[in-house]
């Protein structure tokens, strides 16, 4: 019971969206952390490359009643020819586009070994009570798939947060060398982000 009281985590499952807002009391740092995991549809403007989002997270901290700026951690996985994310980024709130600085950019390769069974012909087999019959023969082929993991951090200003509260649409743009990558926020996701911005450390009911 002693250790269980160190950190309390409250989960709020948003109806119809599958997104969980977490309100965490951290007595070690004497702060309240509000965070949620959310991935947005990602597209790259290069027909020879592909990308998708995974593991994105919104977070803010509250200490002595003071709420920090919201940070969005972005994680992308895509073609092995994708370069790391550059520092230039944009947030588009309705029709208003504002430049952002992407910090803590990180880049790594992800390799997955894939083994597949390939048919090579027919071979002899035993037919139980019916003589011999042919059975398919296969061989195993091994290949390595390589993709790149791109990540970075965006920090919102309070003005941006206020604009998002009344926004009808939200979009982000990042750059991987000369390739633009857009992240699209759905209507349902925007509603949850607005609830996240309004949350001041209260446990959602």
N, C-alpha and C. Protein backbone atom coordinates (compact mmCIF):
# COMPACT_ATOMS: atom_id res chain seq x y z
N UNK A 1 0.83 -1.20 0.00
CA UNK A 1 0.00 0.00 0.00
C UNK A 1 0.86 1.25 0.00
N UNK A 2 2.04 1.18 0.65
CA UNK A 2 2.92 2.34 0.71
C UNK A 2 3.35 2.78 -0.66
N UNK A 3 3.74 1.83 -1.50
CA UNK A 3 4.23 2.16 -2.83
C UNK A 3 3.09 2.54 -3.76
N UNK A 4 1.93 1.96 -3.56
CA UNK A 4 0.80 2.27 -4.43
C UNK A 4 0.35 3.71 -4.27
N UNK A 5 0.65 4.32 -3.11
CA UNK A 5 0.19 5.69 -2.87
C UNK A 5 1.12 6.73 -3.47
N UNK A 6 2.25 6.31 -4.03
CA UNK A 6 3.22 7.26 -4.56
C UNK A 6 2.69 7.99 -5.77
N UNK A 7 2.10 7.26 -6.69
CA UNK A 7 1.58 7.87 -7.91
C UNK A 7 0.17 7.35 -8.18
N UNK A 8 -0.76 8.26 -8.32
CA UNK A 8 -2.14 7.91 -8.62
C UNK A 8 -2.40 8.24 -10.08
N UNK A 9 -2.90 7.31 -10.81
CA UNK A 9 -3.22 7.53 -12.21
C UNK A 9 -4.71 7.39 -12.42
N UNK A 10 -5.30 8.42 -13.03
CA UNK A 10 -6.72 8.40 -13.31
C UNK A 10 -6.89 8.37 -14.82
N UNK A 11 -7.68 7.46 -15.29
CA UNK A 11 -7.89 7.30 -16.72
C UNK A 11 -9.30 7.73 -17.09
N UNK A 12 -9.37 8.43 -18.21
CA UNK A 12 -10.67 8.88 -18.73
C UNK A 12 -10.79 8.40 -20.16
N UNK A 13 -11.70 7.49 -20.40
CA UNK A 13 -11.90 6.96 -21.74
C UNK A 13 -12.96 7.79 -22.43
N UNK A 14 -12.55 8.51 -23.45
CA UNK A 14 -13.47 9.38 -24.17
C UNK A 14 -14.42 8.54 -25.01
N UNK A 15 -15.68 8.82 -24.90
CA UNK A 15 -16.69 8.04 -25.62
C UNK A 15 -16.49 8.16 -27.11
N UNK A 16 -16.36 7.01 -27.77
CA UNK A 16 -16.30 6.99 -29.22
C UNK A 16 -14.95 7.33 -29.82
N UNK A 17 -13.92 7.68 -28.99
CA UNK A 17 -12.66 8.08 -29.60
C UNK A 17 -11.51 7.16 -29.20
N UNK A 18 -11.65 6.43 -28.11
CA UNK A 18 -10.60 5.52 -27.70
C UNK A 18 -9.36 6.20 -27.16
N UNK A 19 -9.44 7.51 -26.90
CA UNK A 19 -8.29 8.25 -26.39
C UNK A 19 -8.42 8.40 -24.89
N UNK A 20 -7.33 8.17 -24.18
CA UNK A 20 -7.33 8.22 -22.73
C UNK A 20 -6.59 9.46 -22.25
N UNK A 21 -7.27 10.30 -21.48
CA UNK A 21 -6.61 11.43 -20.82
C UNK A 21 -6.18 10.95 -19.44
N UNK A 22 -4.91 11.11 -19.14
CA UNK A 22 -4.37 10.66 -17.86
C UNK A 22 -4.01 11.86 -16.99
N UNK A 23 -4.45 11.82 -15.75
CA UNK A 23 -4.08 12.84 -14.77
C UNK A 23 -3.27 12.13 -13.69
N UNK A 24 -2.00 12.46 -13.60
CA UNK A 24 -1.07 11.73 -12.74
C UNK A 24 -0.48 12.66 -11.68
N UNK A 25 -0.62 12.26 -10.43
CA UNK A 25 0.00 12.99 -9.33
C UNK A 25 1.39 12.42 -9.08
N UNK A 26 2.42 13.27 -9.20
CA UNK A 26 3.80 12.82 -9.00
C UNK A 26 4.38 13.51 -7.76
N UNK A 27 4.34 12.87 -6.58
CA UNK A 27 4.81 13.50 -5.35
C UNK A 27 6.32 13.71 -5.32
N UNK A 28 7.07 12.97 -6.12
CA UNK A 28 8.52 13.15 -6.13
C UNK A 28 8.90 14.53 -6.65
N UNK A 29 8.18 14.98 -7.70
CA UNK A 29 8.44 16.31 -8.26
C UNK A 29 7.40 17.34 -7.82
N UNK A 30 6.44 16.88 -7.04
CA UNK A 30 5.37 17.74 -6.54
C UNK A 30 4.65 18.43 -7.69
N UNK A 31 4.28 17.66 -8.71
CA UNK A 31 3.56 18.22 -9.86
C UNK A 31 2.43 17.27 -10.25
N UNK A 32 1.53 17.81 -11.03
CA UNK A 32 0.48 17.02 -11.66
C UNK A 32 0.75 16.99 -13.16
N UNK A 33 0.76 15.82 -13.74
CA UNK A 33 1.00 15.65 -15.17
C UNK A 33 -0.32 15.27 -15.85
N UNK A 34 -0.67 16.00 -16.88
CA UNK A 34 -1.84 15.67 -17.69
C UNK A 34 -1.32 15.30 -19.08
N UNK A 35 -1.66 14.11 -19.54
CA UNK A 35 -1.14 13.67 -20.83
C UNK A 35 -2.14 12.76 -21.52
N UNK A 36 -1.95 12.61 -22.83
CA UNK A 36 -2.77 11.67 -23.58
C UNK A 36 -2.02 11.23 -24.84
N UNK A 37 -2.19 9.98 -25.20
CA UNK A 37 -1.59 9.44 -26.41
C UNK A 37 -2.57 9.61 -27.56
N UNK A 38 -2.07 10.13 -28.68
CA UNK A 38 -2.94 10.34 -29.83
C UNK A 38 -2.11 10.37 -31.11
N UNK A 39 -2.47 9.55 -32.07
CA UNK A 39 -1.80 9.53 -33.37
C UNK A 39 -2.70 10.17 -34.42
N UNK A 40 -2.09 10.93 -35.31
CA UNK A 40 -2.83 11.59 -36.38
C UNK A 40 -2.45 10.99 -37.73
N UNK A 41 -3.37 11.02 -38.66
CA UNK A 41 -3.09 10.53 -40.01
C UNK A 41 -1.92 11.32 -40.59
N UNK A 42 -0.92 10.60 -41.13
CA UNK A 42 0.28 11.24 -41.67
C UNK A 42 0.41 10.95 -43.16
N UNK A 43 0.79 11.96 -43.93
CA UNK A 43 1.02 11.80 -45.37
C UNK A 43 2.28 12.57 -45.77
N UNK A 44 3.07 11.98 -46.67
CA UNK A 44 4.26 12.63 -47.19
C UNK A 44 4.02 12.98 -48.65
N UNK A 45 4.47 14.16 -49.07
CA UNK A 45 4.19 14.61 -50.44
C UNK A 45 5.20 14.07 -51.45
N UNK A 46 5.51 12.80 -51.34
CA UNK A 46 6.44 12.14 -52.26
C UNK A 46 5.87 10.76 -52.57
N UNK A 47 5.49 10.50 -53.84
CA UNK A 47 4.86 9.22 -54.18
C UNK A 47 5.79 8.02 -54.00
N UNK A 48 7.08 8.27 -53.87
CA UNK A 48 8.04 7.18 -53.71
C UNK A 48 8.34 6.86 -52.24
N UNK A 49 7.66 7.57 -51.34
CA UNK A 49 7.90 7.35 -49.91
C UNK A 49 6.57 7.23 -49.19
N UNK A 50 6.62 6.61 -48.02
CA UNK A 50 5.41 6.51 -47.21
C UNK A 50 5.76 6.75 -45.75
N UNK A 51 4.75 7.12 -44.97
CA UNK A 51 4.96 7.43 -43.56
C UNK A 51 3.66 7.24 -42.80
N UNK A 52 3.77 6.82 -41.55
CA UNK A 52 2.59 6.79 -40.69
C UNK A 52 3.02 7.16 -39.28
N UNK A 53 2.06 7.65 -38.50
CA UNK A 53 2.35 8.11 -37.15
C UNK A 53 2.16 6.98 -36.14
N UNK A 54 2.95 6.99 -35.09
CA UNK A 54 2.74 6.04 -34.01
C UNK A 54 3.35 6.61 -32.72
N UNK A 55 2.67 6.43 -31.62
CA UNK A 55 3.23 6.81 -30.32
C UNK A 55 3.27 8.30 -30.05
N UNK A 56 2.40 9.10 -30.66
CA UNK A 56 2.38 10.53 -30.37
C UNK A 56 1.75 10.81 -29.01
N UNK A 57 2.18 11.91 -28.37
CA UNK A 57 1.65 12.21 -27.04
C UNK A 57 1.59 13.71 -26.78
N UNK A 58 0.45 14.16 -26.24
CA UNK A 58 0.29 15.52 -25.74
C UNK A 58 0.53 15.49 -24.23
N UNK A 59 1.21 16.52 -23.70
CA UNK A 59 1.47 16.53 -22.26
C UNK A 59 1.64 17.96 -21.75
N UNK A 60 1.27 18.15 -20.48
CA UNK A 60 1.52 19.42 -19.79
C UNK A 60 1.68 19.13 -18.30
N UNK A 61 2.32 20.05 -17.59
CA UNK A 61 2.56 19.88 -16.17
C UNK A 61 1.94 21.03 -15.39
N UNK A 62 1.48 20.72 -14.17
CA UNK A 62 0.88 21.72 -13.31
C UNK A 62 1.59 21.71 -11.97
N UNK A 63 2.10 22.87 -11.57
CA UNK A 63 2.80 22.98 -10.28
C UNK A 63 2.37 24.28 -9.60
N UNK A 64 1.87 24.16 -8.38
CA UNK A 64 1.41 25.32 -7.60
C UNK A 64 0.38 26.13 -8.38
N UNK A 65 -0.47 25.44 -9.12
CA UNK A 65 -1.52 26.10 -9.86
C UNK A 65 -1.10 26.68 -11.19
N UNK A 66 0.19 26.61 -11.52
CA UNK A 66 0.70 27.15 -12.78
C UNK A 66 0.78 26.02 -13.80
N UNK A 67 0.18 26.23 -14.98
CA UNK A 67 0.15 25.20 -16.02
C UNK A 67 1.20 25.52 -17.07
N UNK A 68 2.02 24.54 -17.37
CA UNK A 68 3.08 24.72 -18.38
C UNK A 68 2.47 24.75 -19.78
N UNK A 69 3.29 25.11 -20.75
CA UNK A 69 2.87 25.03 -22.14
C UNK A 69 2.69 23.57 -22.54
N UNK A 70 1.77 23.33 -23.45
CA UNK A 70 1.53 21.97 -23.94
C UNK A 70 2.64 21.56 -24.89
N UNK A 71 3.12 20.35 -24.72
CA UNK A 71 4.14 19.78 -25.59
C UNK A 71 3.54 18.61 -26.35
N UNK A 72 3.79 18.55 -27.64
CA UNK A 72 3.35 17.43 -28.48
C UNK A 72 4.59 16.67 -28.94
N UNK A 73 4.71 15.43 -28.51
CA UNK A 73 5.80 14.57 -28.96
C UNK A 73 5.30 13.79 -30.18
N UNK A 74 6.00 13.94 -31.28
CA UNK A 74 5.62 13.30 -32.54
C UNK A 74 6.58 12.16 -32.84
N UNK A 75 6.02 11.01 -33.20
CA UNK A 75 6.84 9.87 -33.63
C UNK A 75 6.28 9.35 -34.94
N UNK A 76 7.15 9.21 -35.92
CA UNK A 76 6.75 8.74 -37.25
C UNK A 76 7.61 7.56 -37.66
N UNK A 77 7.04 6.69 -38.46
CA UNK A 77 7.80 5.59 -39.05
C UNK A 77 7.52 5.59 -40.54
N UNK A 78 8.57 5.45 -41.35
CA UNK A 78 8.37 5.51 -42.78
C UNK A 78 9.49 4.90 -43.57
N UNK A 79 9.53 5.22 -44.84
CA UNK A 79 10.49 4.66 -45.79
C UNK A 79 11.92 4.87 -45.31
N UNK A 80 12.79 3.92 -45.66
CA UNK A 80 14.19 4.03 -45.23
C UNK A 80 14.90 5.19 -45.90
N UNK A 81 14.30 5.78 -46.93
CA UNK A 81 14.91 6.93 -47.59
C UNK A 81 14.49 8.26 -46.97
N UNK A 82 13.61 8.21 -45.96
CA UNK A 82 13.22 9.45 -45.29
C UNK A 82 14.36 9.96 -44.42
N UNK A 83 14.60 11.27 -44.50
CA UNK A 83 15.63 11.90 -43.67
C UNK A 83 15.04 12.29 -42.33
N UNK A 84 15.89 12.72 -41.41
CA UNK A 84 15.42 13.16 -40.10
C UNK A 84 14.57 14.42 -40.24
N UNK A 85 13.76 14.69 -39.25
CA UNK A 85 12.91 15.86 -39.27
C UNK A 85 13.73 17.12 -39.03
N UNK A 86 13.47 18.14 -39.83
CA UNK A 86 14.17 19.40 -39.66
C UNK A 86 13.52 20.27 -38.60
N UNK A 87 14.15 21.37 -38.21
CA UNK A 87 13.63 22.22 -37.13
C UNK A 87 12.42 23.05 -37.52
N UNK A 88 12.16 23.19 -38.82
CA UNK A 88 11.04 24.02 -39.26
C UNK A 88 9.74 23.22 -39.26
N UNK A 89 8.71 23.76 -38.62
CA UNK A 89 7.41 23.10 -38.57
C UNK A 89 6.33 24.17 -38.52
N UNK A 90 5.09 23.74 -38.80
CA UNK A 90 3.98 24.68 -38.81
C UNK A 90 2.75 24.05 -38.17
N UNK A 91 1.93 24.89 -37.55
CA UNK A 91 0.63 24.47 -37.07
C UNK A 91 -0.40 25.33 -37.78
N UNK A 92 -1.44 24.69 -38.32
CA UNK A 92 -2.49 25.41 -39.03
C UNK A 92 -3.79 25.26 -38.26
N UNK A 93 -4.24 26.36 -37.69
CA UNK A 93 -5.47 26.38 -36.92
C UNK A 93 -6.51 27.11 -37.75
N UNK A 94 -7.51 26.38 -38.21
CA UNK A 94 -8.44 26.89 -39.22
C UNK A 94 -7.60 27.36 -40.42
N UNK A 95 -7.65 28.62 -40.79
CA UNK A 95 -6.88 29.10 -41.94
C UNK A 95 -5.57 29.79 -41.52
N UNK A 96 -5.33 29.86 -40.23
CA UNK A 96 -4.15 30.57 -39.71
C UNK A 96 -2.98 29.61 -39.57
N UNK A 97 -1.89 29.88 -40.29
CA UNK A 97 -0.68 29.05 -40.24
C UNK A 97 0.41 29.78 -39.46
N UNK A 98 0.98 29.09 -38.47
CA UNK A 98 2.00 29.69 -37.61
C UNK A 98 3.23 28.80 -37.57
N UNK A 99 4.39 29.40 -37.68
CA UNK A 99 5.63 28.64 -37.67
C UNK A 99 5.98 28.19 -36.26
N UNK A 100 6.46 26.95 -36.16
CA UNK A 100 6.88 26.37 -34.90
C UNK A 100 8.31 25.86 -35.02
N UNK A 101 8.96 25.69 -33.89
CA UNK A 101 10.29 25.09 -33.86
C UNK A 101 10.17 23.66 -33.36
N UNK A 102 10.62 22.70 -34.17
CA UNK A 102 10.64 21.31 -33.74
C UNK A 102 11.97 21.03 -33.06
N UNK A 103 11.93 20.65 -31.80
CA UNK A 103 13.14 20.41 -31.02
C UNK A 103 13.31 18.92 -30.72
N UNK A 104 14.44 18.57 -30.14
CA UNK A 104 14.75 17.19 -29.75
C UNK A 104 14.53 16.20 -30.88
N UNK A 105 14.91 16.58 -32.08
CA UNK A 105 14.75 15.69 -33.23
C UNK A 105 15.64 14.46 -33.08
N UNK A 106 15.06 13.31 -33.36
CA UNK A 106 15.80 12.05 -33.25
C UNK A 106 15.52 11.19 -34.47
N UNK A 107 16.51 10.37 -34.82
CA UNK A 107 16.43 9.60 -36.07
C UNK A 107 17.11 8.25 -35.86
N UNK A 108 16.41 7.18 -36.20
CA UNK A 108 17.01 5.85 -36.05
C UNK A 108 16.41 4.90 -37.07
N UNK A 109 17.13 3.84 -37.36
CA UNK A 109 16.66 2.84 -38.32
C UNK A 109 16.01 1.68 -37.58
N UNK A 110 14.96 1.14 -38.18
CA UNK A 110 14.25 0.00 -37.61
C UNK A 110 14.28 -1.14 -38.62
N UNK A 111 14.83 -2.26 -38.21
CA UNK A 111 14.93 -3.40 -39.12
C UNK A 111 14.11 -4.58 -38.59
N UNK A 112 13.34 -5.19 -39.50
CA UNK A 112 12.51 -6.33 -39.16
C UNK A 112 12.83 -7.47 -40.11
N UNK A 113 13.11 -8.64 -39.56
CA UNK A 113 13.38 -9.82 -40.37
C UNK A 113 12.09 -10.56 -40.68
N UNK A 114 11.85 -10.80 -41.96
CA UNK A 114 10.62 -11.46 -42.39
C UNK A 114 10.96 -12.79 -43.05
N UNK A 115 10.31 -13.85 -42.60
CA UNK A 115 10.52 -15.18 -43.19
C UNK A 115 9.22 -15.61 -43.87
N UNK A 116 9.33 -16.00 -45.13
CA UNK A 116 8.15 -16.41 -45.89
C UNK A 116 8.36 -17.80 -46.48
N UNK A 117 7.27 -18.56 -46.59
CA UNK A 117 7.30 -19.89 -47.20
C UNK A 117 6.95 -19.75 -48.67
N UNK A 118 7.85 -20.22 -49.53
CA UNK A 118 7.67 -20.10 -50.97
C UNK A 118 7.51 -21.49 -51.58
N UNK A 119 6.43 -21.76 -52.34
CA UNK A 119 6.26 -23.07 -52.96
C UNK A 119 7.32 -23.34 -54.02
N UNK A 120 7.86 -24.56 -54.02
CA UNK A 120 8.91 -24.90 -54.99
C UNK A 120 8.51 -26.05 -55.91
N UNK A 121 7.34 -26.64 -55.69
CA UNK A 121 6.91 -27.76 -56.55
C UNK A 121 6.15 -28.79 -55.74
N UNK A 122 6.02 -29.98 -56.30
CA UNK A 122 5.30 -31.07 -55.66
C UNK A 122 6.25 -32.21 -55.38
N UNK A 123 6.06 -32.86 -54.25
CA UNK A 123 6.90 -33.99 -53.89
C UNK A 123 6.06 -35.19 -53.52
N UNK A 124 6.66 -36.36 -53.37
CA UNK A 124 5.91 -37.57 -53.03
C UNK A 124 5.36 -37.50 -51.61
N UNK A 125 4.21 -38.11 -51.43
CA UNK A 125 3.64 -38.18 -50.10
C UNK A 125 2.93 -39.51 -49.91
N UNK A 126 2.63 -39.86 -48.67
CA UNK A 126 1.98 -41.13 -48.37
C UNK A 126 0.48 -40.92 -48.30
N UNK A 127 -0.25 -41.68 -49.14
CA UNK A 127 -1.71 -41.63 -49.07
C UNK A 127 -2.19 -42.76 -48.20
N UNK A 128 -2.81 -42.46 -47.08
CA UNK A 128 -3.17 -43.48 -46.11
C UNK A 128 -4.24 -44.40 -46.68
N UNK A 129 -3.79 -45.59 -47.10
CA UNK A 129 -4.70 -46.58 -47.64
C UNK A 129 -5.03 -46.36 -49.11
N UNK A 130 -4.50 -45.30 -49.68
CA UNK A 130 -4.84 -45.00 -51.07
C UNK A 130 -3.59 -44.88 -51.94
N UNK A 131 -2.46 -45.40 -51.49
CA UNK A 131 -1.22 -45.34 -52.26
C UNK A 131 -0.53 -44.01 -52.04
N UNK A 132 0.27 -43.63 -52.98
CA UNK A 132 1.06 -42.41 -52.87
C UNK A 132 0.37 -41.23 -53.54
N UNK A 133 0.50 -40.08 -52.94
CA UNK A 133 -0.06 -38.86 -53.52
C UNK A 133 0.97 -37.75 -53.44
N UNK A 134 0.83 -36.75 -54.25
CA UNK A 134 1.78 -35.64 -54.27
C UNK A 134 1.43 -34.62 -53.20
N UNK A 135 2.44 -34.04 -52.55
CA UNK A 135 2.26 -32.98 -51.56
C UNK A 135 3.10 -31.78 -51.97
N UNK A 136 2.64 -30.57 -51.67
CA UNK A 136 3.40 -29.38 -52.05
C UNK A 136 4.69 -29.26 -51.25
N UNK A 137 5.74 -28.80 -51.90
CA UNK A 137 7.02 -28.57 -51.24
C UNK A 137 7.29 -27.07 -51.19
N UNK A 138 7.87 -26.62 -50.07
CA UNK A 138 8.15 -25.19 -49.90
C UNK A 138 9.57 -24.99 -49.41
N UNK A 139 10.06 -23.77 -49.60
CA UNK A 139 11.35 -23.37 -49.03
C UNK A 139 11.14 -22.06 -48.29
N UNK A 140 12.04 -21.78 -47.37
CA UNK A 140 11.92 -20.57 -46.56
C UNK A 140 12.85 -19.49 -47.10
N UNK A 141 12.30 -18.32 -47.33
CA UNK A 141 13.09 -17.18 -47.76
C UNK A 141 13.11 -16.13 -46.65
N UNK A 142 14.26 -15.57 -46.41
CA UNK A 142 14.41 -14.57 -45.37
C UNK A 142 14.78 -13.22 -45.98
N UNK A 143 14.09 -12.18 -45.57
CA UNK A 143 14.39 -10.83 -46.06
C UNK A 143 14.34 -9.86 -44.88
N UNK A 144 15.00 -8.73 -45.04
CA UNK A 144 15.04 -7.72 -44.00
C UNK A 144 14.37 -6.44 -44.49
N UNK A 145 13.35 -5.98 -43.76
CA UNK A 145 12.67 -4.75 -44.09
C UNK A 145 13.21 -3.64 -43.20
N UNK A 146 13.58 -2.54 -43.82
CA UNK A 146 14.15 -1.42 -43.07
C UNK A 146 13.25 -0.19 -43.19
N UNK A 147 12.99 0.44 -42.07
CA UNK A 147 12.25 1.69 -42.05
C UNK A 147 12.96 2.65 -41.10
N UNK A 148 12.60 3.92 -41.20
CA UNK A 148 13.22 4.92 -40.34
C UNK A 148 12.22 5.42 -39.31
N UNK A 149 12.72 5.67 -38.11
CA UNK A 149 11.91 6.22 -37.03
C UNK A 149 12.31 7.69 -36.86
N UNK A 150 11.34 8.59 -37.01
CA UNK A 150 11.59 10.03 -36.88
C UNK A 150 10.78 10.56 -35.71
N UNK A 151 11.39 11.40 -34.90
CA UNK A 151 10.65 11.94 -33.76
C UNK A 151 11.11 13.37 -33.47
N UNK A 152 10.27 14.08 -32.75
CA UNK A 152 10.58 15.45 -32.37
C UNK A 152 9.52 15.98 -31.42
N UNK A 153 9.71 17.22 -30.99
CA UNK A 153 8.83 17.81 -29.98
C UNK A 153 8.39 19.21 -30.42
N UNK A 154 7.08 19.44 -30.35
CA UNK A 154 6.51 20.76 -30.63
C UNK A 154 5.96 21.35 -29.34
N UNK A 155 6.17 22.65 -29.12
CA UNK A 155 5.67 23.32 -27.92
C UNK A 155 4.69 24.41 -28.33
N UNK A 156 3.48 24.36 -27.77
CA UNK A 156 2.45 25.33 -28.11
C UNK A 156 2.60 26.60 -27.27
N UNK A 157 2.24 27.72 -27.83
CA UNK A 157 2.13 28.95 -27.06
C UNK A 157 0.71 29.01 -26.49
N UNK A 158 0.53 29.87 -25.48
CA UNK A 158 -0.81 30.02 -24.90
C UNK A 158 -1.78 30.59 -25.93
N UNK A 159 -1.29 31.43 -26.83
CA UNK A 159 -2.15 31.97 -27.88
C UNK A 159 -2.66 30.86 -28.79
N UNK A 160 -1.78 29.92 -29.12
CA UNK A 160 -2.20 28.78 -29.95
C UNK A 160 -3.25 27.96 -29.22
N UNK A 161 -3.05 27.72 -27.95
CA UNK A 161 -4.01 26.94 -27.18
C UNK A 161 -5.38 27.61 -27.21
N UNK A 162 -5.41 28.93 -27.03
CA UNK A 162 -6.68 29.65 -27.06
C UNK A 162 -7.34 29.58 -28.43
N UNK A 163 -6.53 29.65 -29.49
CA UNK A 163 -7.07 29.57 -30.84
C UNK A 163 -7.66 28.18 -31.11
N UNK A 164 -7.00 27.15 -30.60
CA UNK A 164 -7.47 25.78 -30.82
C UNK A 164 -8.83 25.55 -30.15
N UNK A 165 -9.06 26.21 -29.02
CA UNK A 165 -10.31 26.01 -28.28
C UNK A 165 -11.53 26.36 -29.12
N UNK A 166 -11.39 27.30 -30.04
CA UNK A 166 -12.54 27.69 -30.87
C UNK A 166 -12.37 27.26 -32.33
N UNK A 167 -11.36 26.43 -32.59
CA UNK A 167 -11.04 26.04 -33.97
C UNK A 167 -12.01 24.98 -34.50
N UNK A 168 -12.15 24.97 -35.82
CA UNK A 168 -12.94 23.95 -36.51
C UNK A 168 -12.03 22.92 -37.19
N UNK A 169 -10.76 23.27 -37.39
CA UNK A 169 -9.82 22.34 -38.02
C UNK A 169 -8.42 22.58 -37.48
N UNK A 170 -7.60 21.53 -37.52
CA UNK A 170 -6.24 21.60 -37.00
C UNK A 170 -5.35 20.68 -37.81
N UNK A 171 -4.15 21.16 -38.15
CA UNK A 171 -3.23 20.39 -38.97
C UNK A 171 -1.80 20.79 -38.63
N UNK A 172 -0.86 19.84 -38.78
CA UNK A 172 0.55 20.13 -38.55
C UNK A 172 1.33 19.83 -39.83
N UNK A 173 2.42 20.57 -40.04
CA UNK A 173 3.31 20.26 -41.15
C UNK A 173 4.75 20.19 -40.64
N UNK A 174 5.44 19.11 -41.04
CA UNK A 174 6.85 18.88 -40.70
C UNK A 174 7.62 18.73 -42.00
N UNK A 175 8.96 18.72 -41.89
CA UNK A 175 9.79 18.57 -43.08
C UNK A 175 10.89 17.54 -42.84
N UNK A 176 10.98 16.60 -43.78
CA UNK A 176 12.04 15.60 -43.80
C UNK A 176 12.88 15.91 -45.03
N UNK A 177 13.98 16.67 -44.82
CA UNK A 177 14.75 17.23 -45.94
C UNK A 177 13.79 18.04 -46.82
N UNK A 178 13.64 17.69 -48.10
CA UNK A 178 12.75 18.44 -48.99
C UNK A 178 11.34 17.87 -49.08
N UNK A 179 11.05 16.85 -48.27
CA UNK A 179 9.74 16.23 -48.28
C UNK A 179 8.88 16.80 -47.15
N UNK A 180 7.70 17.31 -47.50
CA UNK A 180 6.76 17.81 -46.50
C UNK A 180 5.91 16.66 -45.97
N UNK A 181 5.72 16.63 -44.66
CA UNK A 181 4.89 15.62 -44.02
C UNK A 181 3.76 16.34 -43.28
N UNK A 182 2.54 15.99 -43.61
CA UNK A 182 1.38 16.60 -42.97
C UNK A 182 0.73 15.63 -41.99
N UNK A 183 0.33 16.16 -40.85
CA UNK A 183 -0.43 15.40 -39.86
C UNK A 183 -1.82 16.01 -39.78
N UNK A 184 -2.84 15.18 -40.02
CA UNK A 184 -4.22 15.66 -40.07
C UNK A 184 -4.96 15.26 -38.79
N UNK A 185 -5.58 16.24 -38.15
CA UNK A 185 -6.35 16.01 -36.92
C UNK A 185 -7.82 15.87 -37.30
N UNK A 186 -8.42 14.75 -36.95
CA UNK A 186 -9.83 14.52 -37.27
C UNK A 186 -10.72 15.39 -36.37
N UNK A 187 -11.99 15.51 -36.75
CA UNK A 187 -12.94 16.31 -35.96
C UNK A 187 -13.07 15.77 -34.54
N UNK A 188 -13.16 14.46 -34.41
CA UNK A 188 -13.31 13.87 -33.07
C UNK A 188 -12.04 14.07 -32.24
N UNK A 189 -10.88 13.98 -32.88
CA UNK A 189 -9.63 14.22 -32.16
C UNK A 189 -9.52 15.67 -31.70
N UNK A 190 -9.97 16.60 -32.55
CA UNK A 190 -9.93 18.01 -32.18
C UNK A 190 -10.78 18.28 -30.94
N UNK A 191 -11.91 17.64 -30.85
CA UNK A 191 -12.77 17.81 -29.68
C UNK A 191 -12.05 17.35 -28.41
N UNK A 192 -11.32 16.25 -28.50
CA UNK A 192 -10.60 15.74 -27.34
C UNK A 192 -9.43 16.64 -26.99
N UNK A 193 -8.74 17.18 -27.99
CA UNK A 193 -7.64 18.10 -27.73
C UNK A 193 -8.16 19.35 -27.01
N UNK A 194 -9.33 19.82 -27.40
CA UNK A 194 -9.93 20.98 -26.74
C UNK A 194 -10.24 20.66 -25.28
N UNK A 195 -10.73 19.46 -25.01
CA UNK A 195 -10.97 19.05 -23.62
C UNK A 195 -9.65 18.95 -22.85
N UNK A 196 -8.62 18.49 -23.52
CA UNK A 196 -7.31 18.37 -22.90
C UNK A 196 -6.78 19.75 -22.50
N UNK A 197 -6.92 20.72 -23.39
CA UNK A 197 -6.46 22.08 -23.11
C UNK A 197 -7.20 22.65 -21.90
N UNK A 198 -8.49 22.39 -21.80
CA UNK A 198 -9.30 22.94 -20.70
C UNK A 198 -9.00 22.27 -19.36
N UNK A 199 -8.46 21.06 -19.40
CA UNK A 199 -8.22 20.33 -18.16
C UNK A 199 -7.11 21.00 -17.33
N UNK A 200 -7.43 21.32 -16.10
CA UNK A 200 -6.49 21.99 -15.19
C UNK A 200 -6.03 21.06 -14.07
N UNK A 201 -6.00 19.78 -14.39
CA UNK A 201 -5.55 18.81 -13.40
C UNK A 201 -6.67 18.11 -12.68
N UNK A 202 -7.93 18.40 -13.10
CA UNK A 202 -9.05 17.72 -12.47
C UNK A 202 -9.18 16.32 -13.06
N UNK A 203 -9.59 15.39 -12.21
CA UNK A 203 -9.84 14.03 -12.69
C UNK A 203 -11.15 14.05 -13.46
N UNK A 204 -11.14 13.72 -14.76
CA UNK A 204 -12.39 13.73 -15.55
C UNK A 204 -13.39 12.75 -14.98
N UNK A 205 -14.66 13.13 -15.02
CA UNK A 205 -15.72 12.27 -14.51
C UNK A 205 -16.60 11.79 -15.66
